[in-house]
């Protein structure tokens, strides 16, 4: 059974929405592992929020529940974000 969803920081959610609109690449850390994804969409399903992305090297699609993201790095703005709760 999955853990209850914990909303991420509103400012980080905004970063993800802009990345989806501009189809930008971000580097996510999940479970201590870095993964670069081209962000395609951010959406809610029920009371949980998700990110749809694709690995730019392999074209493998990924769906991330936003509260699993430990950190994200925006290589364009050179900023590191920690998505703690709102």
N, C-alpha and C. Protein backbone atom coordinates (compact mmCIF):
# COMPACT_ATOMS: atom_id res chain seq x y z
N UNK A 1 0.84 -1.19 0.00
CA UNK A 1 0.00 0.00 0.00
C UNK A 1 0.88 1.25 0.00
N UNK A 2 0.52 2.21 -0.82
CA UNK A 2 1.29 3.45 -0.92
C UNK A 2 1.05 4.34 0.29
N UNK A 3 2.04 5.17 0.56
CA UNK A 3 1.92 6.15 1.63
C UNK A 3 0.92 7.22 1.21
N UNK A 4 0.29 7.89 2.20
CA UNK A 4 -0.60 9.01 1.85
C UNK A 4 0.20 10.10 1.14
N UNK A 5 -0.43 10.76 0.20
CA UNK A 5 0.23 11.81 -0.57
C UNK A 5 0.47 13.04 0.30
N UNK A 6 1.66 13.61 0.20
CA UNK A 6 2.03 14.84 0.89
C UNK A 6 2.32 15.88 -0.18
N UNK A 7 1.52 16.97 -0.25
CA UNK A 7 1.74 17.99 -1.30
C UNK A 7 3.15 18.57 -1.23
N UNK A 8 3.68 18.91 -2.41
CA UNK A 8 5.01 19.52 -2.47
C UNK A 8 4.88 21.04 -2.37
N UNK A 9 6.01 21.69 -2.25
CA UNK A 9 6.06 23.14 -2.18
C UNK A 9 5.38 23.76 -3.40
N UNK A 10 4.58 24.78 -3.15
CA UNK A 10 3.87 25.46 -4.25
C UNK A 10 4.86 26.08 -5.24
N UNK A 11 5.97 26.61 -4.74
CA UNK A 11 6.95 27.23 -5.64
C UNK A 11 7.61 26.19 -6.53
N UNK A 12 7.84 24.99 -6.01
CA UNK A 12 8.42 23.92 -6.83
C UNK A 12 7.39 23.42 -7.83
N UNK A 13 6.14 23.35 -7.44
CA UNK A 13 5.08 22.97 -8.37
C UNK A 13 5.05 23.95 -9.54
N UNK A 14 5.22 25.24 -9.25
CA UNK A 14 5.25 26.25 -10.30
C UNK A 14 6.43 26.01 -11.26
N UNK A 15 7.58 25.64 -10.71
CA UNK A 15 8.75 25.34 -11.54
C UNK A 15 8.43 24.17 -12.49
N UNK A 16 7.76 23.14 -11.95
CA UNK A 16 7.40 21.98 -12.77
C UNK A 16 6.40 22.35 -13.86
N UNK A 17 5.43 23.20 -13.54
CA UNK A 17 4.45 23.63 -14.55
C UNK A 17 5.13 24.39 -15.69
N UNK A 18 6.05 25.28 -15.36
CA UNK A 18 6.76 26.03 -16.39
C UNK A 18 7.61 25.09 -17.23
N UNK A 19 8.27 24.14 -16.57
CA UNK A 19 9.08 23.16 -17.31
C UNK A 19 8.21 22.36 -18.27
N UNK A 20 7.00 22.01 -17.85
CA UNK A 20 6.09 21.26 -18.73
C UNK A 20 5.65 22.13 -19.92
N UNK A 21 5.33 23.40 -19.65
CA UNK A 21 4.89 24.28 -20.74
C UNK A 21 6.00 24.48 -21.78
N UNK A 22 7.25 24.57 -21.29
CA UNK A 22 8.38 24.83 -22.18
C UNK A 22 9.09 23.56 -22.63
N UNK A 23 8.61 22.38 -22.16
CA UNK A 23 9.21 21.08 -22.48
C UNK A 23 10.71 21.11 -22.15
N UNK A 24 11.01 21.47 -20.91
CA UNK A 24 12.41 21.57 -20.47
C UNK A 24 12.86 20.31 -19.77
N UNK A 25 14.15 20.12 -19.74
CA UNK A 25 14.77 19.01 -19.03
C UNK A 25 15.10 19.44 -17.61
N UNK A 26 14.80 18.56 -16.67
CA UNK A 26 15.16 18.76 -15.27
C UNK A 26 15.82 17.49 -14.78
N UNK A 27 16.65 17.62 -13.76
CA UNK A 27 17.32 16.46 -13.16
C UNK A 27 16.68 16.23 -11.79
N UNK A 28 16.07 15.07 -11.61
CA UNK A 28 15.37 14.71 -10.39
C UNK A 28 16.21 13.73 -9.57
N UNK A 29 16.12 13.85 -8.26
CA UNK A 29 16.69 12.85 -7.36
C UNK A 29 15.52 12.16 -6.67
N UNK A 30 15.46 10.84 -6.87
CA UNK A 30 14.40 10.02 -6.27
C UNK A 30 15.07 8.76 -5.74
N UNK A 31 14.89 8.48 -4.47
CA UNK A 31 15.53 7.31 -3.88
C UNK A 31 17.04 7.37 -3.96
N UNK A 32 17.59 8.59 -3.93
CA UNK A 32 19.03 8.78 -3.98
C UNK A 32 19.64 8.64 -5.37
N UNK A 33 18.80 8.44 -6.39
CA UNK A 33 19.28 8.26 -7.77
C UNK A 33 18.86 9.45 -8.61
N UNK A 34 19.79 9.99 -9.39
CA UNK A 34 19.48 11.10 -10.29
C UNK A 34 18.93 10.57 -11.61
N UNK A 35 17.92 11.27 -12.11
CA UNK A 35 17.30 10.91 -13.38
C UNK A 35 16.96 12.19 -14.13
N UNK A 36 17.48 12.34 -15.33
CA UNK A 36 17.13 13.50 -16.16
C UNK A 36 15.89 13.16 -16.97
N UNK A 37 14.92 14.07 -16.94
CA UNK A 37 13.69 13.86 -17.70
C UNK A 37 13.31 15.13 -18.44
N UNK A 38 12.77 14.95 -19.61
CA UNK A 38 12.12 16.03 -20.34
C UNK A 38 10.69 16.07 -19.79
N UNK A 39 10.31 17.18 -19.18
CA UNK A 39 9.01 17.29 -18.52
C UNK A 39 7.94 17.57 -19.56
N UNK A 40 6.92 16.71 -19.61
CA UNK A 40 5.84 16.83 -20.59
C UNK A 40 4.55 17.36 -19.99
N UNK A 41 4.25 16.96 -18.74
CA UNK A 41 2.98 17.35 -18.13
C UNK A 41 3.07 17.20 -16.62
N UNK A 42 2.29 18.01 -15.92
CA UNK A 42 2.10 17.90 -14.48
C UNK A 42 0.59 17.89 -14.28
N UNK A 43 0.08 16.91 -13.51
CA UNK A 43 -1.36 16.78 -13.38
C UNK A 43 -1.73 16.14 -12.05
N UNK A 44 -3.01 16.26 -11.72
CA UNK A 44 -3.53 15.64 -10.50
C UNK A 44 -4.44 14.49 -10.89
N UNK A 45 -4.39 13.45 -10.09
CA UNK A 45 -5.30 12.32 -10.23
C UNK A 45 -5.80 12.03 -8.82
N UNK A 46 -7.08 12.30 -8.62
CA UNK A 46 -7.61 12.20 -7.26
C UNK A 46 -6.96 13.29 -6.41
N UNK A 47 -6.40 12.90 -5.29
CA UNK A 47 -5.74 13.87 -4.40
C UNK A 47 -4.22 13.82 -4.52
N UNK A 48 -3.74 13.16 -5.56
CA UNK A 48 -2.29 13.03 -5.76
C UNK A 48 -1.87 13.77 -7.03
N UNK A 49 -0.62 14.24 -7.03
CA UNK A 49 -0.09 14.98 -8.17
C UNK A 49 1.06 14.20 -8.81
N UNK A 50 1.13 14.26 -10.12
CA UNK A 50 2.10 13.48 -10.89
C UNK A 50 2.79 14.32 -11.94
N UNK A 51 3.93 13.82 -12.36
CA UNK A 51 4.68 14.40 -13.47
C UNK A 51 4.84 13.33 -14.53
N UNK A 52 4.58 13.69 -15.76
CA UNK A 52 4.83 12.81 -16.90
C UNK A 52 6.06 13.35 -17.62
N UNK A 53 7.03 12.48 -17.82
CA UNK A 53 8.23 12.88 -18.50
C UNK A 53 8.78 11.75 -19.34
N UNK A 54 9.87 12.06 -20.04
CA UNK A 54 10.51 11.06 -20.88
C UNK A 54 12.02 11.21 -20.73
N UNK A 55 12.71 10.09 -20.64
CA UNK A 55 14.17 10.11 -20.59
C UNK A 55 14.67 10.58 -21.95
N UNK A 56 15.44 11.69 -21.99
CA UNK A 56 15.86 12.23 -23.28
C UNK A 56 16.84 11.35 -24.05
N UNK A 57 17.50 10.42 -23.38
CA UNK A 57 18.46 9.54 -24.06
C UNK A 57 17.82 8.27 -24.60
N UNK A 58 16.86 7.72 -23.84
CA UNK A 58 16.28 6.43 -24.22
C UNK A 58 14.85 6.53 -24.75
N UNK A 59 14.23 7.71 -24.56
CA UNK A 59 12.83 7.92 -24.91
C UNK A 59 11.87 7.05 -24.10
N UNK A 60 12.32 6.55 -22.95
CA UNK A 60 11.46 5.76 -22.08
C UNK A 60 10.60 6.72 -21.25
N UNK A 61 9.26 6.55 -21.29
CA UNK A 61 8.39 7.43 -20.52
C UNK A 61 8.44 7.10 -19.03
N UNK A 62 8.22 8.11 -18.21
CA UNK A 62 8.21 7.95 -16.75
C UNK A 62 7.04 8.75 -16.18
N UNK A 63 6.41 8.20 -15.16
CA UNK A 63 5.39 8.90 -14.38
C UNK A 63 5.91 8.95 -12.95
N UNK A 64 6.02 10.16 -12.39
CA UNK A 64 6.52 10.34 -11.03
C UNK A 64 5.41 10.91 -10.15
N UNK A 65 5.20 10.32 -8.99
CA UNK A 65 4.35 10.96 -8.00
C UNK A 65 5.20 12.05 -7.37
N UNK A 66 4.70 13.28 -7.34
CA UNK A 66 5.52 14.43 -6.97
C UNK A 66 6.13 14.35 -5.58
N UNK A 67 5.45 13.71 -4.64
CA UNK A 67 6.02 13.65 -3.29
C UNK A 67 7.15 12.62 -3.15
N UNK A 68 7.49 11.93 -4.24
CA UNK A 68 8.65 11.03 -4.21
C UNK A 68 9.94 11.75 -4.60
N UNK A 69 9.80 12.98 -5.10
CA UNK A 69 10.97 13.75 -5.54
C UNK A 69 11.71 14.31 -4.33
N UNK A 70 12.97 13.95 -4.19
CA UNK A 70 13.79 14.44 -3.08
C UNK A 70 14.36 15.81 -3.39
N UNK A 71 14.77 16.00 -4.63
CA UNK A 71 15.27 17.30 -5.10
C UNK A 71 15.17 17.33 -6.61
N UNK A 72 15.23 18.55 -7.15
CA UNK A 72 15.31 18.68 -8.60
C UNK A 72 16.23 19.83 -8.92
N UNK A 73 16.93 19.67 -10.03
CA UNK A 73 17.90 20.66 -10.48
C UNK A 73 17.48 21.12 -11.86
N UNK A 74 17.43 22.45 -12.02
CA UNK A 74 17.13 23.05 -13.31
C UNK A 74 18.45 23.49 -13.93
N UNK A 75 18.95 22.77 -14.95
CA UNK A 75 20.24 23.12 -15.54
C UNK A 75 20.24 24.44 -16.29
N UNK A 76 19.08 24.92 -16.74
CA UNK A 76 19.01 26.19 -17.44
C UNK A 76 19.22 27.34 -16.46
N UNK A 77 18.47 27.32 -15.35
CA UNK A 77 18.58 28.38 -14.34
C UNK A 77 19.68 28.11 -13.32
N UNK A 78 20.27 26.91 -13.37
CA UNK A 78 21.31 26.50 -12.42
C UNK A 78 20.81 26.61 -10.97
N UNK A 79 19.57 26.12 -10.73
CA UNK A 79 18.99 26.17 -9.40
C UNK A 79 18.61 24.77 -8.94
N UNK A 80 18.84 24.53 -7.64
CA UNK A 80 18.47 23.27 -7.00
C UNK A 80 17.26 23.54 -6.11
N UNK A 81 16.25 22.69 -6.21
CA UNK A 81 15.01 22.85 -5.45
C UNK A 81 14.78 21.62 -4.58
N UNK A 82 14.22 21.88 -3.40
CA UNK A 82 13.81 20.80 -2.50
C UNK A 82 12.31 20.93 -2.30
N UNK A 83 11.53 19.98 -2.79
CA UNK A 83 10.07 20.13 -2.77
C UNK A 83 9.43 19.76 -1.43
N UNK A 84 9.75 20.50 -0.38
CA UNK A 84 9.09 20.26 0.91
C UNK A 84 7.65 20.73 0.83
N UNK A 85 6.82 20.26 1.75
CA UNK A 85 5.38 20.57 1.73
C UNK A 85 5.10 22.06 1.77
N UNK A 86 3.95 22.44 1.17
CA UNK A 86 3.50 23.85 1.17
C UNK A 86 3.32 24.36 2.59
